Protein backbone atom coordinates (compact mmCIF):
# COMPACT_ATOMS: atom_id res chain seq x y z
CA MET A 1 -7.62 13.11 -21.18
CA ILE A 2 -5.75 10.38 -21.31
CA ASP A 3 -6.48 6.50 -21.34
CA ALA A 4 -5.27 5.39 -18.58
CA CYS A 5 -5.36 1.67 -19.77
CA ALA A 6 -3.40 2.80 -22.73
CA ALA A 7 0.16 3.70 -21.37
CA ASP A 8 2.90 1.66 -21.63
CA ASP A 9 0.92 -1.13 -22.87
CA HIS A 10 -0.77 -2.68 -19.75
CA CYS A 11 -2.99 -1.31 -17.43
CA THR A 12 -1.95 1.72 -15.01
CA THR A 13 -4.26 1.20 -12.72
CA CYS A 14 -4.00 -2.21 -12.34
CA SER A 15 -1.06 -3.37 -13.96
CA ASP A 16 -2.37 -5.82 -16.19
CA GLU A 17 -2.16 -6.31 -19.91
CA GLY A 18 -5.01 -7.96 -21.92
CA VAL A 19 -3.88 -11.13 -23.04
CA ALA A 20 -4.84 -13.51 -25.69
CA MET A 21 -6.16 -17.14 -24.43
CA ARG A 22 -8.39 -19.99 -25.54
CA VAL A 23 -11.24 -21.53 -24.24
CA ILE A 24 -10.34 -25.33 -22.95
CA GLU A 25 -13.78 -26.23 -21.17
CA ALA A 26 -17.39 -23.63 -20.88
CA ALA A 27 -17.77 -24.47 -16.91
CA GLU A 28 -20.77 -22.81 -15.70
CA GLU A 29 -22.63 -19.98 -16.88
CA GLY A 30 -20.38 -17.09 -17.24
CA LEU A 31 -16.90 -19.22 -16.13
CA ALA A 32 -14.48 -20.73 -18.98
CA VAL A 33 -11.04 -22.63 -18.31
CA CYS A 34 -9.04 -20.88 -20.73
CA ALA A 35 -5.18 -21.16 -21.44
CA GLY A 36 -2.68 -18.90 -22.72
CA ASP A 37 0.46 -18.98 -24.92
CA ASP A 38 2.31 -20.68 -21.73
CA GLY A 39 -0.14 -23.48 -21.24
CA ALA A 40 -1.09 -21.96 -18.15
CA GLU A 41 -5.05 -22.48 -17.24
CA THR A 42 -7.23 -20.19 -15.19
CA THR A 43 -10.49 -19.43 -14.71
CA VAL A 44 -12.12 -16.49 -17.08
CA MET A 45 -15.06 -14.75 -16.09
CA THR A 46 -17.34 -14.76 -19.98
CA ALA A 47 -20.15 -12.38 -19.08
CA LEU A 48 -19.01 -9.43 -21.25
CA VAL A 49 -18.69 -11.58 -24.27
CA GLY A 50 -21.78 -14.29 -24.15
CA PRO A 51 -21.63 -17.79 -24.22
CA VAL A 52 -18.41 -19.65 -25.51
CA ALA A 53 -17.44 -23.18 -26.46
CA GLU A 54 -14.45 -24.99 -26.32
CA GLY A 55 -11.68 -23.28 -28.41
CA ASP A 56 -13.06 -19.77 -28.66
CA ALA A 57 -9.71 -17.54 -29.00
CA LEU A 58 -10.95 -14.52 -26.45
CA LEU A 59 -8.89 -11.08 -25.26
CA VAL A 60 -8.71 -11.57 -21.19
CA HIS A 61 -7.73 -8.60 -19.08
CA ALA A 62 -7.77 -8.56 -15.23
CA GLY A 63 -9.36 -12.34 -15.16
CA THR A 64 -12.39 -11.19 -17.41
CA ALA A 65 -13.13 -11.88 -20.75
CA ILE A 66 -13.20 -8.33 -23.06
CA ALA A 67 -13.03 -9.42 -26.63
CA ARG A 68 -13.47 -12.03 -28.94
CA LEU A 69 -10.14 -12.26 -31.24
CA GLU A 70 -9.67 -13.70 -34.65
CA GLU A 71 -8.97 -17.60 -34.75
CA THR A 72 -5.09 -16.59 -35.51
CA ALA A 73 -5.18 -14.67 -33.02
CA ALA A 74 -4.71 -16.68 -29.93
């Protein structure tokens, strides 16, 4: 079986890739405003990783935080 999300460093289903982002602001429950390396801010769903706080580093795929990252990764 081929893992569709492992091909060519992006998801072949949605063409999105996991991106390291930093929490700028914990918004309403299950949401946070995050920024990537380029400084662009976006709202991210955080239900899969639990509560987040300003400064947390997350791996984001398709607008959803899918993992917490080590502090040096984001």
